[in-house]
């Protein structure tokens, strides 16, 4: 749990708290305007608390992702990956799909006739 007390995480916690209470305050402010006769403010009265709930949901999601390790760089592969040449990739694809091999032979024949 100490990882959530780093300067970066403390900033996230502070922003979440400020946004949560700010959005609730905006909802209360719109409620006051709505009761004074501004009909449009009724929609905002219910919208701002939804924003506040969204802040809490995203804050919880960020914490869960951090605990699961989501977003961290993957470990290095055990063996280095050697890139394959274009010819090797074509042969592998042709071995998997006979119709692709027939089409490639057809294209090769057309190319040889053109020269």
PDB file of N, CA and C in Angstrom:
ATOM      1  N   UNK A   1       0.800  -1.200   0.000  1.00  0.00           N
ATOM      2  CA  UNK A   1       0.000   0.000   0.000  1.00  0.00           C
ATOM      3  C   UNK A   1       0.850   1.275   0.000  1.00  0.00           C
ATOM      4  N   UNK A   2       2.127   1.124   0.209  1.00  0.00           N
ATOM      5  CA  UNK A   2       2.992   2.308   0.231  1.00  0.00           C
ATOM      6  C   UNK A   2       3.112   2.938  -1.148  1.00  0.00           C
ATOM      7  N   UNK A   3       2.863   2.152  -2.190  1.00  0.00           N
ATOM      8  CA  UNK A   3       2.981   2.705  -3.547  1.00  0.00           C
ATOM      9  C   UNK A   3       1.923   3.772  -3.811  1.00  0.00           C
ATOM     10  N   UNK A   4       0.839   3.763  -3.037  1.00  0.00           N
ATOM     11  CA  UNK A   4      -0.196   4.769  -3.211  1.00  0.00           C
ATOM     12  C   UNK A   4       0.081   6.042  -2.416  1.00  0.00           C
ATOM     13  N   UNK A   5       1.236   6.083  -1.756  1.00  0.00           N
ATOM     14  CA  UNK A   5       1.634   7.277  -1.016  1.00  0.00           C
ATOM     15  C   UNK A   5       2.801   7.989  -1.685  1.00  0.00           C
ATOM     16  N   UNK A   6       3.085   7.648  -2.942  1.00  0.00           N
ATOM     17  CA  UNK A   6       4.133   8.338  -3.692  1.00  0.00           C
ATOM     18  C   UNK A   6       3.599   9.699  -4.138  1.00  0.00           C
ATOM     19  N   UNK A   7       4.476  10.628  -4.499  1.00  0.00           N
ATOM     20  CA  UNK A   7       3.995  11.955  -4.919  1.00  0.00           C
ATOM     21  C   UNK A   7       2.998  11.910  -6.080  1.00  0.00           C
ATOM     22  N   UNK A   8       3.224  11.016  -7.038  1.00  0.00           N
ATOM     23  CA  UNK A   8       2.290  10.912  -8.168  1.00  0.00           C
ATOM     24  C   UNK A   8       0.910  10.477  -7.717  1.00  0.00           C
ATOM     25  N   UNK A   9       0.865   9.456  -6.871  1.00  0.00           N
ATOM     26  CA  UNK A   9      -0.421   8.962  -6.394  1.00  0.00           C
ATOM     27  C   UNK A   9      -1.085   9.955  -5.447  1.00  0.00           C
ATOM     28  N   UNK A  10      -0.305  10.651  -4.634  1.00  0.00           N
ATOM     29  CA  UNK A  10      -0.910  11.658  -3.760  1.00  0.00           C
ATOM     30  C   UNK A  10      -1.568  12.757  -4.591  1.00  0.00           C
ATOM     31  N   UNK A  11      -0.941  13.112  -5.716  1.00  0.00           N
ATOM     32  CA  UNK A  11      -1.554  14.085  -6.616  1.00  0.00           C
ATOM     33  C   UNK A  11      -2.859  13.575  -7.195  1.00  0.00           C
ATOM     34  N   UNK A  12      -2.897  12.295  -7.570  1.00  0.00           N
ATOM     35  CA  UNK A  12      -4.125  11.700  -8.112  1.00  0.00           C
ATOM     36  C   UNK A  12      -5.212  11.696  -7.053  1.00  0.00           C
ATOM     37  N   UNK A  13      -4.848  11.331  -5.799  1.00  0.00           N
ATOM     38  CA  UNK A  13      -5.833  11.326  -4.711  1.00  0.00           C
ATOM     39  C   UNK A  13      -6.388  12.730  -4.497  1.00  0.00           C
ATOM     40  N   UNK A  14      -5.507  13.726  -4.487  1.00  0.00           N
ATOM     41  CA  UNK A  14      -5.933  15.109  -4.263  1.00  0.00           C
ATOM     42  C   UNK A  14      -6.855  15.590  -5.378  1.00  0.00           C
ATOM     43  N   UNK A  15      -6.498  15.294  -6.606  1.00  0.00           N
ATOM     44  CA  UNK A  15      -7.342  15.696  -7.742  1.00  0.00           C
ATOM     45  C   UNK A  15      -8.707  15.020  -7.661  1.00  0.00           C
ATOM     46  N   UNK A  16      -8.730  13.735  -7.293  1.00  0.00           N
ATOM     47  CA  UNK A  16      -9.998  13.014  -7.190  1.00  0.00           C
ATOM     48  C   UNK A  16     -10.885  13.637  -6.109  1.00  0.00           C
ATOM     49  N   UNK A  17     -10.298  13.984  -4.974  1.00  0.00           N
ATOM     50  CA  UNK A  17     -11.088  14.578  -3.892  1.00  0.00           C
ATOM     51  C   UNK A  17     -11.617  15.952  -4.303  1.00  0.00           C
ATOM     52  N   UNK A  18     -10.753  16.774  -4.902  1.00  0.00           N
ATOM     53  CA  UNK A  18     -11.182  18.114  -5.331  1.00  0.00           C
ATOM     54  C   UNK A  18     -12.287  18.023  -6.373  1.00  0.00           C
ATOM     55  N   UNK A  19     -12.121  17.140  -7.362  1.00  0.00           N
ATOM     56  CA  UNK A  19     -13.156  17.002  -8.394  1.00  0.00           C
ATOM     57  C   UNK A  19     -14.468  16.480  -7.808  1.00  0.00           C
ATOM     58  N   UNK A  20     -14.369  15.488  -6.921  1.00  0.00           N
ATOM     59  CA  UNK A  20     -15.578  14.909  -6.332  1.00  0.00           C
ATOM     60  C   UNK A  20     -16.393  15.968  -5.607  1.00  0.00           C
ATOM     61  N   UNK A  21     -15.751  16.697  -4.692  1.00  0.00           N
ATOM     62  CA  UNK A  21     -16.494  17.697  -3.926  1.00  0.00           C
ATOM     63  C   UNK A  21     -16.856  18.906  -4.793  1.00  0.00           C
ATOM     64  N   UNK A  22     -16.019  19.234  -5.753  1.00  0.00           N
ATOM     65  CA  UNK A  22     -16.357  20.321  -6.667  1.00  0.00           C
ATOM     66  C   UNK A  22     -17.589  20.005  -7.488  1.00  0.00           C
ATOM     67  N   UNK A  23     -17.671  18.801  -8.005  1.00  0.00           N
ATOM     68  CA  UNK A  23     -18.830  18.414  -8.801  1.00  0.00           C
ATOM     69  C   UNK A  23     -20.090  18.368  -7.946  1.00  0.00           C
ATOM     70  N   UNK A  24     -19.974  17.896  -6.694  1.00  0.00           N
ATOM     71  CA  UNK A  24     -21.138  17.908  -5.810  1.00  0.00           C
ATOM     72  C   UNK A  24     -21.583  19.341  -5.525  1.00  0.00           C
ATOM     73  N   UNK A  25     -20.608  20.237  -5.349  1.00  0.00           N
ATOM     74  CA  UNK A  25     -20.950  21.637  -5.095  1.00  0.00           C
ATOM     75  C   UNK A  25     -21.649  22.242  -6.312  1.00  0.00           C
ATOM     76  N   UNK A  26     -21.156  21.936  -7.515  1.00  0.00           N
ATOM     77  CA  UNK A  26     -21.818  22.427  -8.720  1.00  0.00           C
ATOM     78  C   UNK A  26     -23.255  21.914  -8.803  1.00  0.00           C
ATOM     79  N   UNK A  27     -23.474  20.659  -8.425  1.00  0.00           N
ATOM     80  CA  UNK A  27     -24.836  20.114  -8.410  1.00  0.00           C
ATOM     81  C   UNK A  27     -25.722  20.859  -7.431  1.00  0.00           C
ATOM     82  N   UNK A  28     -25.192  21.155  -6.258  1.00  0.00           N
ATOM     83  CA  UNK A  28     -25.961  21.903  -5.256  1.00  0.00           C
ATOM     84  C   UNK A  28     -26.263  23.318  -5.758  1.00  0.00           C
ATOM     85  N   UNK A  29     -25.301  23.935  -6.397  1.00  0.00           N
ATOM     86  CA  UNK A  29     -25.475  25.274  -6.955  1.00  0.00           C
ATOM     87  C   UNK A  29     -26.568  25.259  -8.029  1.00  0.00           C
ATOM     88  N   UNK A  30     -26.553  24.258  -8.903  1.00  0.00           N
ATOM     89  CA  UNK A  30     -27.578  24.155  -9.947  1.00  0.00           C
ATOM     90  C   UNK A  30     -28.946  23.861  -9.342  1.00  0.00           C
ATOM     91  N   UNK A  31     -28.977  23.122  -8.232  1.00  0.00           N
ATOM     92  CA  UNK A  31     -30.246  22.868  -7.555  1.00  0.00           C
ATOM     93  C   UNK A  31     -30.839  24.183  -7.043  1.00  0.00           C
ATOM     94  N   UNK A  32     -29.983  25.036  -6.490  1.00  0.00           N
ATOM     95  CA  UNK A  32     -30.450  26.340  -6.034  1.00  0.00           C
ATOM     96  C   UNK A  32     -31.000  27.175  -7.176  1.00  0.00           C
ATOM     97  N   UNK A  33     -30.323  27.137  -8.307  1.00  0.00           N
ATOM     98  CA  UNK A  33     -30.812  27.882  -9.472  1.00  0.00           C
ATOM     99  C   UNK A  33     -32.113  27.289  -9.997  1.00  0.00           C
ATOM    100  N   UNK A  34     -32.232  25.967  -9.942  1.00  0.00           N
ATOM    101  CA  UNK A  34     -33.443  25.312 -10.441  1.00  0.00           C
ATOM    102  C   UNK A  34     -34.642  25.660  -9.566  1.00  0.00           C
ATOM    103  N   UNK A  35     -34.442  25.688  -8.262  1.00  0.00           N
ATOM    104  CA  UNK A  35     -35.557  26.030  -7.380  1.00  0.00           C
ATOM    105  C   UNK A  35     -35.929  27.503  -7.481  1.00  0.00           C
ATOM    106  N   UNK A  36     -35.026  28.343  -8.006  1.00  0.00           N
ATOM    107  CA  UNK A  36     -35.338  29.754  -8.227  1.00  0.00           C
ATOM    108  C   UNK A  36     -36.081  29.978  -9.542  1.00  0.00           C
ATOM    109  N   UNK A  37     -36.308  28.926 -10.314  1.00  0.00           N
ATOM    110  CA  UNK A  37     -37.103  29.071 -11.517  1.00  0.00           C
ATOM    111  C   UNK A  37     -36.376  28.794 -12.823  1.00  0.00           C
ATOM    112  N   UNK A  38     -35.101  28.479 -12.787  1.00  0.00           N
ATOM    113  CA  UNK A  38     -34.358  28.184 -14.008  1.00  0.00           C
ATOM    114  C   UNK A  38     -34.575  26.701 -14.348  1.00  0.00           C
ATOM    115  N   UNK A  39     -35.433  26.448 -15.323  1.00  0.00           N
ATOM    116  CA  UNK A  39     -35.824  25.070 -15.645  1.00  0.00           C
ATOM    117  C   UNK A  39     -34.659  24.254 -16.198  1.00  0.00           C
ATOM    118  N   UNK A  40     -33.763  24.891 -16.930  1.00  0.00           N
ATOM    119  CA  UNK A  40     -32.639  24.164 -17.517  1.00  0.00           C
ATOM    120  C   UNK A  40     -31.714  23.608 -16.425  1.00  0.00           C
ATOM    121  N   UNK A  41     -31.665  24.249 -15.301  1.00  0.00           N
ATOM    122  CA  UNK A  41     -30.758  23.820 -14.231  1.00  0.00           C
ATOM    123  C   UNK A  41     -31.159  22.489 -13.609  1.00  0.00           C
ATOM    124  N   UNK A  42     -32.404  22.055 -13.819  1.00  0.00           N
ATOM    125  CA  UNK A  42     -32.793  20.747 -13.272  1.00  0.00           C
ATOM    126  C   UNK A  42     -31.949  19.623 -13.879  1.00  0.00           C
ATOM    127  N   UNK A  43     -31.664  19.719 -15.147  1.00  0.00           N
ATOM    128  CA  UNK A  43     -30.822  18.693 -15.774  1.00  0.00           C
ATOM    129  C   UNK A  43     -29.423  18.685 -15.192  1.00  0.00           C
ATOM    130  N   UNK A  44     -28.854  19.878 -14.992  1.00  0.00           N
ATOM    131  CA  UNK A  44     -27.508  19.965 -14.423  1.00  0.00           C
ATOM    132  C   UNK A  44     -27.489  19.534 -12.966  1.00  0.00           C
ATOM    133  N   UNK A  45     -28.613  19.704 -12.278  1.00  0.00           N
ATOM    134  CA  UNK A  45     -28.694  19.291 -10.878  1.00  0.00           C
ATOM    135  C   UNK A  45     -28.390  17.810 -10.737  1.00  0.00           C
ATOM    136  N   UNK A  46     -28.832  17.016 -11.696  1.00  0.00           N
ATOM    137  CA  UNK A  46     -28.597  15.572 -11.636  1.00  0.00           C
ATOM    138  C   UNK A  46     -27.339  15.156 -12.397  1.00  0.00           C
ATOM    139  N   UNK A  47     -26.883  16.007 -13.302  1.00  0.00           N
ATOM    140  CA  UNK A  47     -25.701  15.676 -14.092  1.00  0.00           C
ATOM    141  C   UNK A  47     -24.414  15.787 -13.278  1.00  0.00           C
ATOM    142  N   UNK A  48     -24.270  16.846 -12.494  1.00  0.00           N
ATOM    143  CA  UNK A  48     -23.031  17.042 -11.744  1.00  0.00           C
ATOM    144  C   UNK A  48     -22.757  15.937 -10.727  1.00  0.00           C
ATOM    145  N   UNK A  49     -23.746  15.446  -9.978  1.00  0.00           N
ATOM    146  CA  UNK A  49     -23.459  14.305  -9.096  1.00  0.00           C
ATOM    147  C   UNK A  49     -23.035  13.043  -9.855  1.00  0.00           C
ATOM    148  N   UNK A  50     -23.546  12.870 -11.079  1.00  0.00           N
ATOM    149  CA  UNK A  50     -23.091  11.727 -11.884  1.00  0.00           C
ATOM    150  C   UNK A  50     -21.618  11.869 -12.235  1.00  0.00           C
ATOM    151  N   UNK A  51     -21.181  13.099 -12.519  1.00  0.00           N
ATOM    152  CA  UNK A  51     -19.759  13.328 -12.756  1.00  0.00           C
ATOM    153  C   UNK A  51     -18.940  12.990 -11.518  1.00  0.00           C
ATOM    154  N   UNK A  52     -19.467  13.334 -10.346  1.00  0.00           N
ATOM    155  CA  UNK A  52     -18.761  13.036  -9.096  1.00  0.00           C
ATOM    156  C   UNK A  52     -18.627  11.524  -8.906  1.00  0.00           C
ATOM    157  N   UNK A  53     -19.681  10.791  -9.201  1.00  0.00           N
ATOM    158  CA  UNK A  53     -19.630   9.329  -9.101  1.00  0.00           C
ATOM    159  C   UNK A  53     -18.631   8.766 -10.102  1.00  0.00           C
ATOM    160  N   UNK A  54     -18.592   9.331 -11.305  1.00  0.00           N
ATOM    161  CA  UNK A  54     -17.647   8.881 -12.320  1.00  0.00           C
ATOM    162  C   UNK A  54     -16.199   9.065 -11.853  1.00  0.00           C
ATOM    163  N   UNK A  55     -15.922  10.162 -11.175  1.00  0.00           N
ATOM    164  CA  UNK A  55     -14.566  10.396 -10.647  1.00  0.00           C
ATOM    165  C   UNK A  55     -14.181   9.280  -9.681  1.00  0.00           C
ATOM    166  N   UNK A  56     -15.092   8.911  -8.786  1.00  0.00           N
ATOM    167  CA  UNK A  56     -14.796   7.851  -7.813  1.00  0.00           C
ATOM    168  C   UNK A  56     -14.612   6.512  -8.513  1.00  0.00           C
ATOM    169  N   UNK A  57     -15.452   6.222  -9.492  1.00  0.00           N
ATOM    170  CA  UNK A  57     -15.334   4.951 -10.227  1.00  0.00           C
ATOM    171  C   UNK A  57     -13.976   4.871 -10.933  1.00  0.00           C
ATOM    172  N   UNK A  58     -13.555   5.942 -11.583  1.00  0.00           N
ATOM    173  CA  UNK A  58     -12.270   5.929 -12.286  1.00  0.00           C
ATOM    174  C   UNK A  58     -11.101   5.867 -11.305  1.00  0.00           C
ATOM    175  N   UNK A  59     -11.225   6.519 -10.166  1.00  0.00           N
ATOM    176  CA  UNK A  59     -10.177   6.466  -9.145  1.00  0.00           C
ATOM    177  C   UNK A  59     -10.005   5.024  -8.643  1.00  0.00           C
ATOM    178  N   UNK A  60     -11.122   4.347  -8.388  1.00  0.00           N
ATOM    179  CA  UNK A  60     -11.067   2.947  -7.949  1.00  0.00           C
ATOM    180  C   UNK A  60     -10.478   2.080  -9.051  1.00  0.00           C
ATOM    181  N   UNK A  61     -10.858   2.321 -10.314  1.00  0.00           N
ATOM    182  CA  UNK A  61     -10.314   1.543 -11.428  1.00  0.00           C
ATOM    183  C   UNK A  61      -8.804   1.723 -11.532  1.00  0.00           C
ATOM    184  N   UNK A  62      -8.318   2.953 -11.352  1.00  0.00           N
ATOM    185  CA  UNK A  62      -6.870   3.191 -11.419  1.00  0.00           C
ATOM    186  C   UNK A  62      -6.136   2.436 -10.315  1.00  0.00           C
ATOM    187  N   UNK A  63      -6.718   2.402  -9.138  1.00  0.00           N
ATOM    188  CA  UNK A  63      -6.090   1.685  -8.029  1.00  0.00           C
ATOM    189  C   UNK A  63      -6.074   0.183  -8.318  1.00  0.00           C
ATOM    190  N   UNK A  64      -7.187  -0.355  -8.805  1.00  0.00           N
ATOM    191  CA  UNK A  64      -7.235  -1.792  -9.126  1.00  0.00           C
ATOM    192  C   UNK A  64      -6.241  -2.147 -10.226  1.00  0.00           C
ATOM    193  N   UNK A  65      -6.146  -1.299 -11.253  1.00  0.00           N
ATOM    194  CA  UNK A  65      -5.194  -1.557 -12.328  1.00  0.00           C
ATOM    195  C   UNK A  65      -3.761  -1.540 -11.802  1.00  0.00           C
ATOM    196  N   UNK A  66      -3.467  -0.639 -10.895  1.00  0.00           N
ATOM    197  CA  UNK A  66      -2.120  -0.585 -10.316  1.00  0.00           C
ATOM    198  C   UNK A  66      -1.824  -1.845  -9.507  1.00  0.00           C
ATOM    199  N   UNK A  67      -2.813  -2.320  -8.769  1.00  0.00           N
ATOM    200  CA  UNK A  67      -2.609  -3.534  -7.973  1.00  0.00           C
ATOM    201  C   UNK A  67      -2.439  -4.765  -8.857  1.00  0.00           C
ATOM    202  N   UNK A  68      -3.133  -4.799 -10.005  1.00  0.00           N
ATOM    203  CA  UNK A  68      -3.015  -5.926 -10.933  1.00  0.00           C
ATOM    204  C   UNK A  68      -1.775  -5.821 -11.805  1.00  0.00           C
ATOM    205  N   UNK A  69      -1.190  -4.636 -11.884  1.00  0.00           N
ATOM    206  CA  UNK A  69      -0.003  -4.453 -12.714  1.00  0.00           C
ATOM    207  C   UNK A  69      -0.335  -4.135 -14.156  1.00  0.00           C
ATOM    208  N   UNK A  70      -1.551  -3.669 -14.439  1.00  0.00           N
ATOM    209  CA  UNK A  70      -1.939  -3.323 -15.802  1.00  0.00           C
ATOM    210  C   UNK A  70      -1.172  -2.087 -16.231  1.00  0.00           C
ATOM    211  N   UNK A  71      -0.673  -2.104 -17.462  1.00  0.00           N
ATOM    212  CA  UNK A  71       0.027  -0.948 -17.996  1.00  0.00           C
ATOM    213  C   UNK A  71       1.531  -0.985 -17.783  1.00  0.00           C
ATOM    214  N   UNK A  72       2.006  -1.965 -17.065  1.00  0.00           N
ATOM    215  CA  UNK A  72       3.451  -2.082 -16.893  1.00  0.00           C
ATOM    216  C   UNK A  72       4.058  -2.708 -18.134  1.00  0.00           C
ATOM    217  N   UNK A  73       5.326  -2.445 -18.345  1.00  0.00           N
ATOM    218  CA  UNK A  73       5.995  -2.993 -19.523  1.00  0.00           C
ATOM    219  C   UNK A  73       6.168  -4.505 -19.353  1.00  0.00           C
ATOM    220  N   UNK A  74       5.952  -5.266 -20.421  1.00  0.00           N
ATOM    221  CA  UNK A  74       6.111  -6.721 -20.316  1.00  0.00           C
ATOM    222  C   UNK A  74       7.577  -7.098 -20.144  1.00  0.00           C
ATOM    223  N   UNK A  75       7.784  -8.265 -19.575  1.00  0.00           N
ATOM    224  CA  UNK A  75       9.144  -8.756 -19.374  1.00  0.00           C
ATOM    225  C   UNK A  75       9.785  -9.084 -20.722  1.00  0.00           C
ATOM    226  N   UNK A  76      11.089  -9.067 -20.762  1.00  0.00           N
ATOM    227  CA  UNK A  76      11.819  -9.385 -21.990  1.00  0.00           C
ATOM    228  C   UNK A  76      11.568 -10.846 -22.370  1.00  0.00           C
ATOM    229  N   UNK A  77      11.433 -11.143 -23.659  1.00  0.00           N
ATOM    230  CA  UNK A  77      11.258 -12.539 -24.060  1.00  0.00           C
ATOM    231  C   UNK A  77      12.527 -13.342 -23.763  1.00  0.00           C
ATOM    232  N   UNK A  78      12.340 -14.626 -23.509  1.00  0.00           N
ATOM    233  CA  UNK A  78      13.468 -15.488 -23.151  1.00  0.00           C
ATOM    234  C   UNK A  78      14.472 -15.587 -24.293  1.00  0.00           C
ATOM    235  N   UNK A  79      13.979 -15.729 -25.514  1.00  0.00           N
ATOM    236  CA  UNK A  79      14.864 -15.824 -26.672  1.00  0.00           C
ATOM    237  C   UNK A  79      14.631 -14.611 -27.564  1.00  0.00           C
ATOM    238  N   UNK A  80      15.692 -14.090 -28.147  1.00  0.00           N
ATOM    239  CA  UNK A  80      15.470 -12.959 -29.057  1.00  0.00           C
ATOM    240  C   UNK A  80      14.702 -13.412 -30.291  1.00  0.00           C
ATOM    241  N   UNK A  81      13.797 -12.594 -30.729  1.00  0.00           N
ATOM    242  CA  UNK A  81      12.980 -12.915 -31.890  1.00  0.00           C
ATOM    243  C   UNK A  81      13.745 -12.490 -33.145  1.00  0.00           C
ATOM    244  N   UNK A  82      13.971 -13.453 -34.031  1.00  0.00           N
ATOM    245  CA  UNK A  82      14.685 -13.182 -35.274  1.00  0.00           C
ATOM    246  C   UNK A  82      13.645 -12.869 -36.340  1.00  0.00           C
ATOM    247  N   UNK A  83      13.719 -11.702 -36.948  1.00  0.00           N
ATOM    248  CA  UNK A  83      12.723 -11.382 -37.971  1.00  0.00           C
ATOM    249  C   UNK A  83      12.874 -12.303 -39.179  1.00  0.00           C
ATOM    250  N   UNK A  84      11.723 -12.678 -39.730  1.00  0.00           N
ATOM    251  CA  UNK A  84      11.724 -13.576 -40.880  1.00  0.00           C
ATOM    252  C   UNK A  84      11.749 -12.752 -42.156  1.00  0.00           C
ATOM    253  N   UNK A  85      12.324 -13.345 -43.181  1.00  0.00           N
ATOM    254  CA  UNK A  85      12.366 -12.660 -44.476  1.00  0.00           C
ATOM    255  C   UNK A  85      10.995 -12.763 -45.128  1.00  0.00           C
ATOM    256  N   UNK A  86      10.813 -11.961 -46.153  1.00  0.00           N
ATOM    257  CA  UNK A  86       9.531 -11.958 -46.855  1.00  0.00           C
ATOM    258  C   UNK A  86       9.263 -13.317 -47.497  1.00  0.00           C
ATOM    259  N   UNK A  87      10.301 -13.941 -48.031  1.00  0.00           N
ATOM    260  CA  UNK A  87      10.132 -15.252 -48.670  1.00  0.00           C
ATOM    261  C   UNK A  87       9.699 -16.300 -47.644  1.00  0.00           C
ATOM    262  N   UNK A  88      10.276 -16.251 -46.450  1.00  0.00           N
ATOM    263  CA  UNK A  88       9.890 -17.206 -45.408  1.00  0.00           C
ATOM    264  C   UNK A  88       8.440 -17.006 -44.989  1.00  0.00           C
ATOM    265  N   UNK A  89       8.025 -15.769 -44.869  1.00  0.00           N
ATOM    266  CA  UNK A  89       6.637 -15.490 -44.489  1.00  0.00           C
ATOM    267  C   UNK A  89       5.668 -15.973 -45.565  1.00  0.00           C
ATOM    268  N   UNK A  90       6.027 -15.786 -46.835  1.00  0.00           N
ATOM    269  CA  UNK A  90       5.165 -16.241 -47.932  1.00  0.00           C
ATOM    270  C   UNK A  90       5.058 -17.753 -47.931  1.00  0.00           C
ATOM    271  N   UNK A  91       6.180 -18.456 -47.731  1.00  0.00           N
ATOM    272  CA  UNK A  91       6.145 -19.924 -47.703  1.00  0.00           C
ATOM    273  C   UNK A  91       5.293 -20.436 -46.555  1.00  0.00           C
ATOM    274  N   UNK A  92       5.376 -19.789 -45.386  1.00  0.00           N
ATOM    275  CA  UNK A  92       4.546 -20.199 -44.256  1.00  0.00           C
ATOM    276  C   UNK A  92       3.066 -19.986 -44.555  1.00  0.00           C
ATOM    277  N   UNK A  93       2.743 -18.856 -45.159  1.00  0.00           N
ATOM    278  CA  UNK A  93       1.348 -18.570 -45.480  1.00  0.00           C
ATOM    279  C   UNK A  93       0.825 -19.546 -46.536  1.00  0.00           C
ATOM    280  N   UNK A  94       1.657 -19.868 -47.519  1.00  0.00           N
ATOM    281  CA  UNK A  94       1.240 -20.809 -48.561  1.00  0.00           C
ATOM    282  C   UNK A  94       1.047 -22.203 -47.983  1.00  0.00           C
ATOM    283  N   UNK A  95       1.863 -22.579 -47.012  1.00  0.00           N
ATOM    284  CA  UNK A  95       1.719 -23.900 -46.404  1.00  0.00           C
ATOM    285  C   UNK A  95       0.393 -24.005 -45.650  1.00  0.00           C
ATOM    286  N   UNK A  96      -0.072 -22.903 -45.110  1.00  0.00           N
ATOM    287  CA  UNK A  96      -1.326 -22.910 -44.363  1.00  0.00           C
ATOM    288  C   UNK A  96      -2.549 -22.820 -45.275  1.00  0.00           C
ATOM    289  N   UNK A  97      -2.393 -22.175 -46.452  1.00  0.00           N
ATOM    290  CA  UNK A  97      -3.539 -21.926 -47.325  1.00  0.00           C
ATOM    291  C   UNK A  97      -3.186 -22.313 -48.758  1.00  0.00           C
ATOM    292  N   UNK A  98      -3.655 -23.472 -49.240  1.00  0.00           N
ATOM    293  CA  UNK A  98      -3.327 -23.906 -50.602  1.00  0.00           C
ATOM    294  C   UNK A  98      -3.868 -22.948 -51.674  1.00  0.00           C
ATOM    295  N   UNK A  99      -5.007 -22.322 -51.432  1.00  0.00           N
ATOM    296  CA  UNK A  99      -5.543 -21.407 -52.447  1.00  0.00           C
ATOM    297  C   UNK A  99      -4.649 -20.177 -52.586  1.00  0.00           C
ATOM    298  N   UNK A 100      -4.015 -19.756 -51.499  1.00  0.00           N
ATOM    299  CA  UNK A 100      -3.076 -18.640 -51.566  1.00  0.00           C
ATOM    300  C   UNK A 100      -1.847 -19.033 -52.380  1.00  0.00           C
ATOM    301  N   UNK A 101      -1.389 -20.259 -52.206  1.00  0.00           N
ATOM    302  CA  UNK A 101      -0.234 -20.730 -52.975  1.00  0.00           C
ATOM    303  C   UNK A 101      -0.565 -20.758 -54.468  1.00  0.00           C
ATOM    304  N   UNK A 102      -1.765 -21.227 -54.807  1.00  0.00           N
ATOM    305  CA  UNK A 102      -2.173 -21.264 -56.219  1.00  0.00           C
ATOM    306  C   UNK A 102      -2.263 -19.849 -56.787  1.00  0.00           C
ATOM    307  N   UNK A 103      -2.779 -18.905 -56.020  1.00  0.00           N
ATOM    308  CA  UNK A 103      -2.882 -17.529 -56.480  1.00  0.00           C
ATOM    309  C   UNK A 103      -1.495 -16.910 -56.682  1.00  0.00           C
ATOM    310  N   UNK A 104      -0.565 -17.194 -55.776  1.00  0.00           N
ATOM    311  CA  UNK A 104       0.797 -16.672 -55.928  1.00  0.00           C
ATOM    312  C   UNK A 104       1.481 -17.257 -57.159  1.00  0.00           C
ATOM    313  N   UNK A 105       1.248 -18.548 -57.467  1.00  0.00           N
ATOM    314  CA  UNK A 105       1.809 -19.141 -58.679  1.00  0.00           C
ATOM    315  C   UNK A 105       1.222 -18.475 -59.922  1.00  0.00           C
ATOM    316  N   UNK A 106      -0.078 -18.191 -59.881  1.00  0.00           N
ATOM    317  CA  UNK A 106      -0.743 -17.509 -60.982  1.00  0.00           C
ATOM    318  C   UNK A 106      -0.133 -16.123 -61.205  1.00  0.00           C
ATOM    319  N   UNK A 107       0.088 -15.366 -60.128  1.00  0.00           N
ATOM    320  CA  UNK A 107       0.696 -14.044 -60.255  1.00  0.00           C
ATOM    321  C   UNK A 107       2.120 -14.135 -60.785  1.00  0.00           C
ATOM    322  N   UNK A 108       2.868 -15.134 -60.346  1.00  0.00           N
ATOM    323  CA  UNK A 108       4.238 -15.306 -60.831  1.00  0.00           C
ATOM    324  C   UNK A 108       4.236 -15.618 -62.323  1.00  0.00           C
ATOM    325  N   UNK A 109       3.272 -16.446 -62.787  1.00  0.00           N
ATOM    326  CA  UNK A 109       3.180 -16.786 -64.204  1.00  0.00           C
ATOM    327  C   UNK A 109       2.832 -15.550 -65.031  1.00  0.00           C
ATOM    328  N   UNK A 110       1.883 -14.744 -64.531  1.00  0.00           N
ATOM    329  CA  UNK A 110       1.536 -13.516 -65.246  1.00  0.00           C
ATOM    330  C   UNK A 110       2.726 -12.567 -65.321  1.00  0.00           C
ATOM    331  N   UNK A 111       3.494 -12.481 -64.265  1.00  0.00           N
ATOM    332  CA  UNK A 111       4.653 -11.601 -64.251  1.00  0.00           C
ATOM    333  C   UNK A 111       5.719 -12.083 -65.211  1.00  0.00           C
ATOM    334  N   UNK A 112       5.902 -13.390 -65.307  1.00  0.00           N
ATOM    335  CA  UNK A 112       6.925 -13.902 -66.240  1.00  0.00           C
ATOM    336  C   UNK A 112       6.488 -13.719 -67.682  1.00  0.00           C
ATOM    337  N   UNK A 113       5.206 -13.762 -67.999  1.00  0.00           N
ATOM    338  CA  UNK A 113       4.700 -13.574 -69.351  1.00  0.00           C
ATOM    339  C   UNK A 113       4.832 -12.112 -69.784  1.00  0.00           C
ATOM    340  N   UNK A 114       4.756 -11.202 -68.845  1.00  0.00           N
ATOM    341  CA  UNK A 114       4.819  -9.784 -69.167  1.00  0.00           C
ATOM    342  C   UNK A 114       6.237  -9.380 -69.569  1.00  0.00           C
ATOM    343  N   UNK A 115       7.213 -10.078 -69.133  1.00  0.00           N
ATOM    344  CA  UNK A 115       8.617  -9.686 -69.414  1.00  0.00           C
ATOM    345  C   UNK A 115       9.061 -10.253 -70.688  1.00  0.00           C
TER     346      UNK A 115
END
